[in-house]
N, C-alpha and C. Protein backbone atom coordinates (compact mmCIF):
# COMPACT_ATOMS: atom_id res chain seq x y z
N MET A 1 24.52 35.48 -40.78
CA MET A 1 24.05 34.42 -39.91
C MET A 1 25.01 34.26 -38.74
N VAL A 2 24.49 34.20 -37.53
CA VAL A 2 25.30 34.06 -36.32
C VAL A 2 25.54 32.59 -36.06
N SER A 3 26.81 32.23 -35.84
CA SER A 3 27.14 30.83 -35.62
C SER A 3 26.70 30.39 -34.23
N ALA A 4 26.57 29.09 -34.05
CA ALA A 4 26.19 28.53 -32.75
C ALA A 4 27.26 28.84 -31.72
N ASN A 5 28.54 28.79 -32.12
CA ASN A 5 29.62 29.10 -31.18
C ASN A 5 29.51 30.54 -30.70
N PHE A 6 29.22 31.46 -31.60
CA PHE A 6 29.12 32.86 -31.22
C PHE A 6 27.93 33.07 -30.27
N ARG A 7 26.81 32.41 -30.55
CA ARG A 7 25.65 32.51 -29.65
C ARG A 7 26.01 31.97 -28.27
N ALA A 8 26.78 30.88 -28.22
CA ALA A 8 27.19 30.31 -26.94
C ALA A 8 28.09 31.28 -26.18
N VAL A 9 28.99 31.96 -26.90
CA VAL A 9 29.85 32.95 -26.27
C VAL A 9 29.01 34.07 -25.67
N LEU A 10 28.04 34.56 -26.41
CA LEU A 10 27.18 35.63 -25.90
C LEU A 10 26.41 35.17 -24.67
N THR A 11 25.96 33.93 -24.66
CA THR A 11 25.25 33.39 -23.50
C THR A 11 26.15 33.36 -22.29
N ILE A 12 27.36 32.85 -22.46
CA ILE A 12 28.32 32.77 -21.36
C ILE A 12 28.67 34.16 -20.86
N LEU A 13 28.97 35.08 -21.78
CA LEU A 13 29.36 36.43 -21.38
C LEU A 13 28.22 37.15 -20.67
N SER A 14 26.99 36.89 -21.05
CA SER A 14 25.87 37.56 -20.40
C SER A 14 25.73 37.11 -18.96
N GLU A 15 26.26 35.93 -18.63
CA GLU A 15 26.21 35.43 -17.26
C GLU A 15 27.45 35.81 -16.46
N SER A 16 28.44 36.38 -17.12
CA SER A 16 29.70 36.73 -16.48
C SER A 16 29.50 37.84 -15.47
N ARG A 17 30.32 37.82 -14.44
CA ARG A 17 30.26 38.91 -13.47
C ARG A 17 30.78 40.21 -14.05
N LEU A 18 31.44 40.15 -15.20
CA LEU A 18 31.92 41.36 -15.84
C LEU A 18 30.78 42.17 -16.45
N VAL A 19 29.77 41.49 -16.98
CA VAL A 19 28.71 42.19 -17.70
C VAL A 19 27.79 42.86 -16.69
N GLY A 20 27.73 44.19 -16.76
CA GLY A 20 26.85 44.94 -15.90
C GLY A 20 27.35 45.10 -14.48
N GLY A 21 28.53 44.58 -14.17
CA GLY A 21 29.01 44.62 -12.80
C GLY A 21 29.96 45.77 -12.54
N ASP A 22 30.30 45.93 -11.28
CA ASP A 22 31.22 47.00 -10.88
C ASP A 22 32.60 46.79 -11.48
N LEU A 23 33.02 45.53 -11.62
CA LEU A 23 34.33 45.26 -12.19
C LEU A 23 34.42 45.78 -13.62
N LEU A 24 33.36 45.61 -14.39
CA LEU A 24 33.35 46.11 -15.76
C LEU A 24 33.52 47.62 -15.76
N PHE A 25 32.77 48.31 -14.91
CA PHE A 25 32.85 49.77 -14.86
C PHE A 25 34.26 50.21 -14.46
N ALA A 26 34.82 49.59 -13.44
CA ALA A 26 36.17 49.95 -12.98
C ALA A 26 37.20 49.66 -14.06
N THR A 27 37.05 48.55 -14.74
CA THR A 27 37.99 48.18 -15.80
C THR A 27 37.91 49.17 -16.95
N MET A 28 36.69 49.55 -17.33
CA MET A 28 36.53 50.47 -18.46
C MET A 28 37.14 51.84 -18.16
N LEU A 29 37.11 52.26 -16.90
CA LEU A 29 37.69 53.54 -16.55
C LEU A 29 39.20 53.55 -16.71
N SER A 30 39.83 52.39 -16.49
CA SER A 30 41.28 52.34 -16.51
C SER A 30 41.85 51.73 -17.79
N MET A 31 41.02 51.22 -18.67
CA MET A 31 41.49 50.53 -19.86
C MET A 31 41.18 51.32 -21.13
N ASN A 32 41.83 50.89 -22.20
CA ASN A 32 41.51 51.42 -23.52
C ASN A 32 40.10 51.00 -23.89
N LYS A 33 39.48 51.76 -24.78
CA LYS A 33 38.16 51.37 -25.28
C LYS A 33 38.23 50.10 -26.12
N LEU A 34 39.32 49.92 -26.81
CA LEU A 34 39.49 48.76 -27.68
C LEU A 34 40.32 47.70 -26.97
N ALA A 35 39.89 46.46 -27.09
CA ALA A 35 40.65 45.35 -26.52
C ALA A 35 40.70 44.23 -27.55
N PRO A 36 41.89 43.71 -27.83
CA PRO A 36 41.97 42.56 -28.73
C PRO A 36 41.15 41.39 -28.18
N PHE A 37 40.48 40.70 -29.06
CA PHE A 37 39.68 39.53 -28.73
C PHE A 37 40.24 38.40 -29.59
N LEU A 38 41.02 37.54 -28.99
CA LEU A 38 41.76 36.53 -29.74
C LEU A 38 41.09 35.17 -29.65
N TRP A 39 40.94 34.53 -30.78
CA TRP A 39 40.25 33.25 -30.91
C TRP A 39 41.29 32.13 -30.87
N PHE A 40 41.16 31.24 -29.90
CA PHE A 40 42.01 30.05 -29.80
C PHE A 40 41.14 28.82 -30.01
N ASN A 41 41.76 27.74 -30.44
CA ASN A 41 41.01 26.50 -30.63
C ASN A 41 40.54 25.99 -29.27
N ASP A 42 41.51 25.64 -28.41
CA ASP A 42 41.18 25.02 -27.13
C ASP A 42 42.22 25.33 -26.06
N ASN A 43 43.08 26.34 -26.31
CA ASN A 43 44.19 26.58 -25.39
C ASN A 43 44.27 28.04 -24.92
N ALA A 44 43.14 28.70 -24.80
CA ALA A 44 43.13 30.10 -24.36
C ALA A 44 43.72 30.25 -22.97
N GLU A 45 43.39 29.34 -22.08
CA GLU A 45 43.90 29.43 -20.70
C GLU A 45 45.42 29.26 -20.68
N GLU A 46 45.94 28.32 -21.43
CA GLU A 46 47.38 28.11 -21.48
C GLU A 46 48.09 29.32 -22.08
N ALA A 47 47.50 29.91 -23.13
CA ALA A 47 48.09 31.11 -23.74
C ALA A 47 48.11 32.26 -22.73
N ALA A 48 47.01 32.44 -22.01
CA ALA A 48 46.94 33.51 -21.01
C ALA A 48 48.00 33.29 -19.93
N GLU A 49 48.15 32.06 -19.46
CA GLU A 49 49.15 31.76 -18.44
C GLU A 49 50.56 32.08 -18.95
N PHE A 50 50.82 31.76 -20.21
CA PHE A 50 52.12 32.07 -20.79
C PHE A 50 52.38 33.58 -20.77
N TYR A 51 51.43 34.37 -21.30
CA TYR A 51 51.63 35.82 -21.34
C TYR A 51 51.72 36.42 -19.95
N LEU A 52 50.96 35.90 -19.01
CA LEU A 52 51.03 36.39 -17.64
C LEU A 52 52.39 36.11 -17.01
N SER A 53 53.05 35.05 -17.45
CA SER A 53 54.38 34.72 -16.91
C SER A 53 55.49 35.54 -17.56
N VAL A 54 55.25 36.05 -18.77
CA VAL A 54 56.28 36.79 -19.51
C VAL A 54 56.31 38.26 -19.13
N PHE A 55 55.16 38.87 -18.98
CA PHE A 55 55.09 40.31 -18.75
C PHE A 55 55.06 40.62 -17.25
N PRO A 56 55.97 41.50 -16.80
CA PRO A 56 56.03 41.80 -15.37
C PRO A 56 54.80 42.55 -14.85
N HIS A 57 54.18 43.34 -15.69
CA HIS A 57 52.99 44.09 -15.29
C HIS A 57 51.78 43.46 -15.97
N ALA A 58 51.40 42.30 -15.45
CA ALA A 58 50.31 41.52 -16.04
C ALA A 58 49.43 40.97 -14.94
N ARG A 59 48.15 40.85 -15.26
CA ARG A 59 47.24 40.25 -14.29
C ARG A 59 46.02 39.67 -15.00
N LYS A 60 45.45 38.67 -14.35
CA LYS A 60 44.21 38.10 -14.85
C LYS A 60 43.07 38.94 -14.29
N LEU A 61 42.16 39.37 -15.16
CA LEU A 61 41.02 40.18 -14.74
C LEU A 61 39.77 39.36 -14.51
N ASP A 62 39.56 38.37 -15.37
CA ASP A 62 38.32 37.59 -15.25
C ASP A 62 38.46 36.31 -16.05
N GLU A 63 37.66 35.35 -15.69
CA GLU A 63 37.52 34.15 -16.50
C GLU A 63 36.05 33.74 -16.47
N VAL A 64 35.61 33.17 -17.57
CA VAL A 64 34.25 32.66 -17.66
C VAL A 64 34.36 31.19 -17.98
N ARG A 65 33.87 30.38 -17.08
CA ARG A 65 33.89 28.93 -17.27
C ARG A 65 32.50 28.45 -17.68
N SER A 66 32.50 27.46 -18.52
CA SER A 66 31.24 26.93 -19.04
C SER A 66 30.46 26.19 -17.95
N LYS A 67 29.17 26.33 -18.04
CA LYS A 67 28.26 25.56 -17.19
C LYS A 67 27.67 24.39 -17.99
N GLY A 68 28.38 24.05 -19.07
CA GLY A 68 27.93 22.95 -19.91
C GLY A 68 27.26 23.40 -21.19
N VAL A 69 27.38 24.69 -21.50
CA VAL A 69 26.81 25.22 -22.73
C VAL A 69 27.72 24.83 -23.89
N VAL A 70 27.15 24.31 -24.95
CA VAL A 70 27.93 23.91 -26.12
C VAL A 70 28.69 25.12 -26.64
N PRO A 71 29.93 25.06 -27.04
CA PRO A 71 30.70 23.86 -27.34
C PRO A 71 31.62 23.40 -26.21
N TRP A 72 31.50 23.96 -25.01
CA TRP A 72 32.45 23.65 -23.94
C TRP A 72 31.85 22.70 -22.92
N PRO A 73 32.68 21.79 -22.40
CA PRO A 73 32.20 20.94 -21.29
C PRO A 73 32.15 21.77 -20.00
N VAL A 74 31.46 21.28 -19.01
CA VAL A 74 31.36 21.96 -17.72
C VAL A 74 32.76 22.24 -17.17
N GLY A 75 32.99 23.48 -16.75
CA GLY A 75 34.26 23.87 -16.14
C GLY A 75 35.33 24.36 -17.09
N LYS A 76 35.14 24.15 -18.37
CA LYS A 76 36.14 24.59 -19.36
C LYS A 76 36.09 26.10 -19.52
N ILE A 77 37.27 26.72 -19.63
CA ILE A 77 37.33 28.16 -19.87
C ILE A 77 36.66 28.48 -21.20
N ALA A 78 35.71 29.39 -21.19
CA ALA A 78 35.13 29.92 -22.42
C ALA A 78 35.92 31.15 -22.83
N THR A 79 36.06 32.10 -21.91
CA THR A 79 36.91 33.27 -22.14
C THR A 79 37.74 33.55 -20.91
N ILE A 80 38.89 34.15 -21.14
CA ILE A 80 39.73 34.61 -20.05
C ILE A 80 40.22 36.01 -20.43
N THR A 81 40.05 36.94 -19.51
CA THR A 81 40.43 38.33 -19.75
C THR A 81 41.67 38.64 -18.93
N ILE A 82 42.69 39.15 -19.61
CA ILE A 82 43.93 39.50 -18.94
C ILE A 82 44.31 40.94 -19.28
N GLU A 83 45.24 41.47 -18.53
CA GLU A 83 45.80 42.79 -18.80
C GLU A 83 47.31 42.65 -18.88
N LEU A 84 47.89 43.12 -19.97
CA LEU A 84 49.34 43.12 -20.14
C LEU A 84 49.79 44.56 -20.33
N GLU A 85 50.64 45.03 -19.43
CA GLU A 85 51.17 46.39 -19.53
C GLU A 85 50.06 47.43 -19.75
N GLY A 86 48.92 47.24 -19.07
CA GLY A 86 47.83 48.19 -19.17
C GLY A 86 46.86 47.95 -20.32
N GLN A 87 47.12 46.94 -21.15
CA GLN A 87 46.24 46.64 -22.28
C GLN A 87 45.40 45.41 -21.97
N GLU A 88 44.10 45.61 -21.92
CA GLU A 88 43.19 44.49 -21.70
C GLU A 88 43.07 43.68 -22.99
N MET A 89 42.92 42.37 -22.84
CA MET A 89 42.66 41.50 -23.97
C MET A 89 41.85 40.29 -23.50
N VAL A 90 41.04 39.78 -24.40
CA VAL A 90 40.19 38.64 -24.10
C VAL A 90 40.60 37.49 -25.01
N PHE A 91 40.78 36.31 -24.41
CA PHE A 91 41.09 35.11 -25.15
C PHE A 91 39.87 34.20 -25.11
N LEU A 92 39.50 33.67 -26.25
CA LEU A 92 38.32 32.81 -26.38
C LEU A 92 38.73 31.42 -26.82
N ASN A 93 38.19 30.40 -26.17
CA ASN A 93 38.27 29.04 -26.68
C ASN A 93 37.11 28.87 -27.65
N GLY A 94 37.36 29.16 -28.91
CA GLY A 94 36.28 29.19 -29.89
C GLY A 94 36.19 27.98 -30.79
N GLY A 95 37.12 27.05 -30.66
CA GLY A 95 37.10 25.89 -31.54
C GLY A 95 37.95 26.11 -32.77
N PRO A 96 37.95 25.13 -33.66
CA PRO A 96 38.88 25.13 -34.80
C PRO A 96 38.47 25.99 -36.00
N ALA A 97 37.36 26.72 -35.91
CA ALA A 97 36.88 27.47 -37.09
C ALA A 97 37.88 28.52 -37.56
N TYR A 98 38.59 29.16 -36.63
CA TYR A 98 39.57 30.18 -36.99
C TYR A 98 40.88 29.89 -36.26
N GLN A 99 41.98 30.25 -36.88
CA GLN A 99 43.30 29.99 -36.30
C GLN A 99 44.09 31.28 -36.19
N LEU A 100 44.80 31.45 -35.07
CA LEU A 100 45.77 32.54 -35.00
C LEU A 100 46.89 32.22 -35.97
N ASN A 101 47.53 33.25 -36.48
CA ASN A 101 48.65 33.03 -37.39
C ASN A 101 49.75 34.05 -37.10
N PRO A 102 50.91 33.91 -37.73
CA PRO A 102 52.03 34.81 -37.44
C PRO A 102 51.76 36.28 -37.78
N ALA A 103 50.68 36.58 -38.45
CA ALA A 103 50.36 37.97 -38.74
C ALA A 103 49.98 38.73 -37.47
N PHE A 104 49.65 38.01 -36.41
CA PHE A 104 49.32 38.63 -35.13
C PHE A 104 50.55 38.62 -34.24
N SER A 105 50.87 39.75 -33.64
CA SER A 105 51.99 39.80 -32.69
C SER A 105 51.81 40.98 -31.76
N PHE A 106 52.56 40.96 -30.66
CA PHE A 106 52.60 42.09 -29.74
C PHE A 106 53.89 42.87 -29.98
N PHE A 107 53.80 44.18 -29.98
CA PHE A 107 54.96 45.05 -30.09
C PHE A 107 55.18 45.65 -28.71
N VAL A 108 56.36 45.42 -28.15
CA VAL A 108 56.67 45.89 -26.79
C VAL A 108 57.72 46.99 -26.88
N ARG A 109 57.37 48.17 -26.42
CA ARG A 109 58.34 49.29 -26.39
C ARG A 109 59.25 49.12 -25.18
N CYS A 110 60.53 49.12 -25.42
CA CYS A 110 61.52 48.99 -24.34
C CYS A 110 62.45 50.19 -24.34
N ASP A 111 62.90 50.57 -23.13
CA ASP A 111 63.78 51.73 -22.98
C ASP A 111 65.26 51.39 -22.97
N SER A 112 65.57 50.11 -22.82
CA SER A 112 66.99 49.75 -22.72
C SER A 112 67.20 48.31 -23.18
N GLN A 113 68.45 47.97 -23.42
CA GLN A 113 68.79 46.61 -23.77
C GLN A 113 68.48 45.66 -22.62
N GLU A 114 68.68 46.14 -21.41
CA GLU A 114 68.37 45.32 -20.22
C GLU A 114 66.88 44.95 -20.20
N GLU A 115 66.03 45.91 -20.52
CA GLU A 115 64.60 45.62 -20.54
C GLU A 115 64.26 44.64 -21.65
N ILE A 116 64.90 44.79 -22.81
CA ILE A 116 64.68 43.86 -23.92
C ILE A 116 65.10 42.44 -23.49
N ASP A 117 66.23 42.34 -22.81
CA ASP A 117 66.75 41.05 -22.38
C ASP A 117 65.82 40.36 -21.39
N ASN A 118 65.01 41.13 -20.67
CA ASN A 118 64.08 40.52 -19.70
C ASN A 118 62.93 39.79 -20.40
N TYR A 119 62.67 40.14 -21.65
CA TYR A 119 61.62 39.45 -22.39
C TYR A 119 62.19 38.27 -23.14
């Protein structure tokens, strides 16, 4: 059974400029086929801003804001897509049904102690 939240995400994503657009094609050419899709309660935008501030080679690729489709109020980020060190990832404001936990982490390969110290 598909949850109402998941149906709302599909509705929002189908309206995104990423779906079927040139940006999607260009992104797919330069990105991995697999992208982590992380579920946040209500702080996906804040999490994305944090990671964008930490990684020197990071950028925001897209954001999808709600037009008032449940469960998000008008203007609230539904998903935000970022790229960190060449790895695309999507953050979802999915509500409290699932929680991130310490089992999830990023592994960053560094060439020197100086590079480690920058993180």
